[in-house]
Amino acid sequence: MGTVLSGVFSLMATHMHLIFERKHLGNGNCTENFQTPGINVLGYFFICWSFRIVLFMSIITMVASCFLLYSVYAQIYEGLLSYTIWIITYEATNLAVQTLTDEFSVALVRAMRWFGWVARASLHCFWLYFVITQAQIIYQSKKQGNILTYHRRISLGSGDHPRRKSKIINFVQHYSE
């Protein structure tokens, strides 16, 4: 259940993040930003292409979230592990974009963007626990050949006790004589 909620949360949070960032990263005026001293080529790339990077990463995250939901349904542990790796990459990239474009935001917008990133990353970390646990369960069941394990109770008493016959068997034998 937690794994399914992880996929649904990821879809919702990514969509909300995309809506918020569209308004604040969509200006794309790179000529002014490059004139700022201390920006290297990588920083310039992230600043100029920030919304396109966020859009591309968000679309892939939405596809990965749908694949997560399918992987839970189809019991594919590789899908759950690839989702885990993707979410870590997604949040790291968003952190880089956030850090590099931070100085070009108004203080209130900057605070809201940081709050949004911290909340989303924290919840992704929380839900990843369930995804990884589900992946382990699926992996263990595939390793055992999809046979459910049966744990017999071991009696604490000493000695072997003969098995009792079922009352139904006794009842059928009684009337068949």
Protein backbone atom coordinates (compact mmCIF):
# COMPACT_ATOMS: atom_id res chain seq x y z
CA MET A 1 0.00 0.00 0.00
CA GLY A 2 2.82 2.39 0.84
CA THR A 3 4.42 1.79 -2.53
CA VAL A 4 1.24 2.71 -4.38
CA LEU A 5 0.91 5.83 -2.26
CA SER A 6 4.50 6.66 -3.15
CA GLY A 7 3.67 6.63 -6.84
CA VAL A 8 0.55 8.72 -6.37
CA PHE A 9 2.41 11.20 -4.15
CA SER A 10 5.21 11.46 -6.68
CA LEU A 11 2.76 12.22 -9.49
CA MET A 12 0.99 14.89 -7.43
CA ALA A 13 4.12 16.52 -6.04
CA THR A 14 5.82 16.62 -9.43
CA HIS A 15 2.80 18.20 -11.04
CA MET A 16 2.51 20.83 -8.30
CA HIS A 17 6.24 21.54 -8.51
CA LEU A 18 5.99 21.99 -12.26
CA ILE A 19 3.11 24.45 -11.91
CA PHE A 20 5.00 26.52 -9.33
CA GLU A 21 8.31 26.52 -11.20
CA ARG A 22 6.66 27.50 -14.49
CA LYS A 23 5.84 30.89 -13.05
CA HIS A 24 9.25 31.50 -11.46
CA LEU A 25 11.70 29.88 -13.88
CA GLY A 26 9.92 30.61 -17.13
CA ASN A 27 11.41 34.04 -17.87
CA GLY A 28 14.58 32.71 -19.54
CA ASN A 29 16.45 36.03 -19.92
CA CYS A 30 19.96 34.61 -20.11
CA THR A 31 21.84 37.64 -21.41
CA GLU A 32 21.48 39.50 -18.11
CA ASN A 33 22.27 36.46 -15.97
CA PHE A 34 25.50 35.67 -17.80
CA GLN A 35 26.85 39.14 -17.17
CA THR A 36 26.84 38.43 -13.43
CA PRO A 37 30.41 37.83 -12.25
CA GLY A 38 31.29 34.42 -10.85
CA ILE A 39 29.02 32.27 -13.04
CA ASN A 40 30.82 29.45 -14.82
CA VAL A 41 29.66 27.64 -17.96
CA LEU A 42 27.81 24.92 -16.04
CA GLY A 43 26.04 27.52 -13.93
CA TYR A 44 25.11 29.45 -17.07
CA PHE A 45 23.67 26.29 -18.62
CA PHE A 46 21.56 25.56 -15.53
CA ILE A 47 20.33 29.15 -15.30
CA CYS A 48 19.39 29.53 -18.96
CA TRP A 49 17.84 26.10 -19.31
CA SER A 50 16.45 25.79 -15.79
CA PHE A 51 12.78 25.53 -16.69
CA ARG A 52 13.47 23.18 -19.58
CA ILE A 53 15.56 20.99 -17.28
CA VAL A 54 12.82 20.99 -14.63
CA LEU A 55 10.17 20.25 -17.27
CA PHE A 56 12.18 17.37 -18.77
CA MET A 57 12.96 15.88 -15.34
CA SER A 58 9.33 16.24 -14.24
CA ILE A 59 7.95 14.48 -17.30
CA ILE A 60 10.38 11.59 -16.79
CA THR A 61 9.41 11.50 -13.09
CA MET A 62 5.74 11.24 -13.99
CA VAL A 63 6.50 8.38 -16.39
CA ALA A 64 8.67 6.72 -13.71
CA SER A 65 5.83 7.07 -11.19
CA CYS A 66 3.41 5.38 -13.56
CA PHE A 67 6.00 2.66 -14.15
CA LEU A 68 6.29 2.28 -10.37
CA LEU A 69 2.56 1.67 -10.11
CA TYR A 70 2.76 -0.90 -12.92
CA SER A 71 5.80 -2.54 -11.33
CA VAL A 72 3.93 -2.97 -8.05
CA TYR A 73 1.01 -4.53 -9.91
CA ALA A 74 3.22 -6.80 -12.05
CA GLN A 75 5.64 -7.60 -9.19
CA ILE A 76 8.73 -6.30 -11.04
CA TYR A 77 11.37 -5.43 -8.46
CA GLU A 78 13.69 -3.91 -11.10
CA GLY A 79 11.04 -1.27 -11.75
CA LEU A 80 10.95 -0.35 -8.09
CA LEU A 81 14.73 -0.09 -7.92
CA SER A 82 14.89 2.04 -11.08
CA TYR A 83 12.24 4.34 -9.59
CA THR A 84 14.38 4.69 -6.45
CA ILE A 85 17.47 5.59 -8.46
CA TRP A 86 15.48 8.04 -10.59
CA ILE A 87 13.95 9.86 -7.61
CA ILE A 88 17.40 10.36 -6.08
CA THR A 89 18.65 11.75 -9.43
CA TYR A 90 15.55 13.93 -9.78
CA GLU A 91 15.90 15.50 -6.35
CA ALA A 92 19.67 16.03 -6.77
CA THR A 93 19.11 17.80 -10.09
CA ASN A 94 16.35 19.93 -8.60
CA LEU A 95 18.69 20.86 -5.76
CA ALA A 96 21.32 21.97 -8.29
CA VAL A 97 18.79 24.06 -10.23
CA GLN A 98 17.45 25.50 -6.98
CA THR A 99 20.91 26.48 -5.75
CA LEU A 100 22.09 27.98 -9.04
CA THR A 101 18.91 30.00 -9.70
CA ASP A 102 18.42 31.04 -6.09
CA GLU A 103 19.99 34.49 -6.38
CA PHE A 104 17.63 35.49 -9.20
CA SER A 105 14.47 35.06 -7.10
CA VAL A 106 12.69 37.43 -4.77
CA ALA A 107 13.14 36.58 -1.08
CA LEU A 108 9.56 35.34 -0.60
CA VAL A 109 9.68 33.20 -3.74
CA ARG A 110 13.10 31.88 -2.69
CA ALA A 111 11.69 30.82 0.69
CA MET A 112 8.71 29.12 -0.94
CA ARG A 113 10.94 27.29 -3.43
CA TRP A 114 13.22 26.02 -0.65
CA PHE A 115 10.24 24.99 1.48
CA GLY A 116 8.75 23.14 -1.51
CA TRP A 117 12.01 21.35 -2.26
CA VAL A 118 12.63 20.33 1.37
CA ALA A 119 9.06 19.09 1.81
CA ARG A 120 9.07 17.15 -1.47
CA ALA A 121 12.53 15.63 -0.91
CA SER A 122 11.65 14.65 2.67
CA LEU A 123 8.45 12.96 1.61
CA HIS A 124 10.21 11.21 -1.27
CA CYS A 125 12.75 9.86 1.22
CA PHE A 126 9.92 8.72 3.50
CA TRP A 127 8.09 6.90 0.70
CA LEU A 128 11.29 5.38 -0.70
CA TYR A 129 11.50 3.25 2.43
CA PHE A 130 8.27 1.52 1.38
CA VAL A 131 9.41 1.18 -2.23
CA ILE A 132 12.69 -0.46 -1.21
CA THR A 133 10.90 -2.75 1.28
CA GLN A 134 8.43 -3.82 -1.43
CA ALA A 135 11.32 -4.44 -3.85
CA GLN A 136 12.96 -6.70 -1.25
CA ILE A 137 9.74 -8.63 -0.75
CA ILE A 138 9.30 -9.13 -4.49
CA TYR A 139 12.94 -10.14 -4.91
CA GLN A 140 12.72 -12.69 -2.09
CA SER A 141 9.52 -14.19 -3.49
CA LYS A 142 11.06 -14.50 -6.99
CA LYS A 143 14.21 -16.03 -5.52
CA GLN A 144 12.12 -18.69 -3.79
CA GLY A 145 10.23 -19.45 -6.99
CA ASN A 146 7.03 -17.67 -5.98
CA ILE A 147 6.24 -20.40 -3.49
CA LEU A 148 4.80 -19.08 -0.31
CA THR A 149 6.76 -20.24 2.65
CA TYR A 150 4.95 -22.38 5.14
CA HIS A 151 6.12 -22.27 8.72
CA ARG A 152 5.06 -25.28 10.75
CA ARG A 153 4.60 -24.92 14.43
CA ILE A 154 7.07 -26.96 16.36
CA SER A 155 5.70 -28.53 19.48
CA LEU A 156 7.53 -27.77 22.68
CA GLY A 157 6.49 -31.08 24.17
CA SER A 158 8.82 -34.06 24.25
CA GLY A 159 8.11 -37.08 22.13
CA ASP A 160 6.25 -37.72 18.94
CA HIS A 161 2.50 -37.61 19.05
CA PRO A 162 0.51 -39.60 16.51
CA ARG A 163 -1.63 -37.49 14.20
CA ARG A 164 -5.28 -37.46 15.02
CA LYS A 165 -7.71 -38.46 12.35
CA SER A 166 -10.23 -35.93 11.27
CA LYS A 167 -13.75 -36.32 12.58
CA ILE A 168 -15.04 -36.07 9.04
CA ILE A 169 -13.02 -39.11 7.97
CA ASN A 170 -14.29 -41.05 10.98
CA PHE A 171 -17.82 -39.98 10.16
CA VAL A 172 -17.55 -41.13 6.53
CA GLN A 173 -15.97 -44.46 7.49
CA HIS A 174 -18.69 -45.10 10.05
CA TYR A 175 -21.48 -44.86 7.47
CA SER A 176 -19.68 -46.67 4.66
CA GLU A 177 -19.45 -49.96 6.65
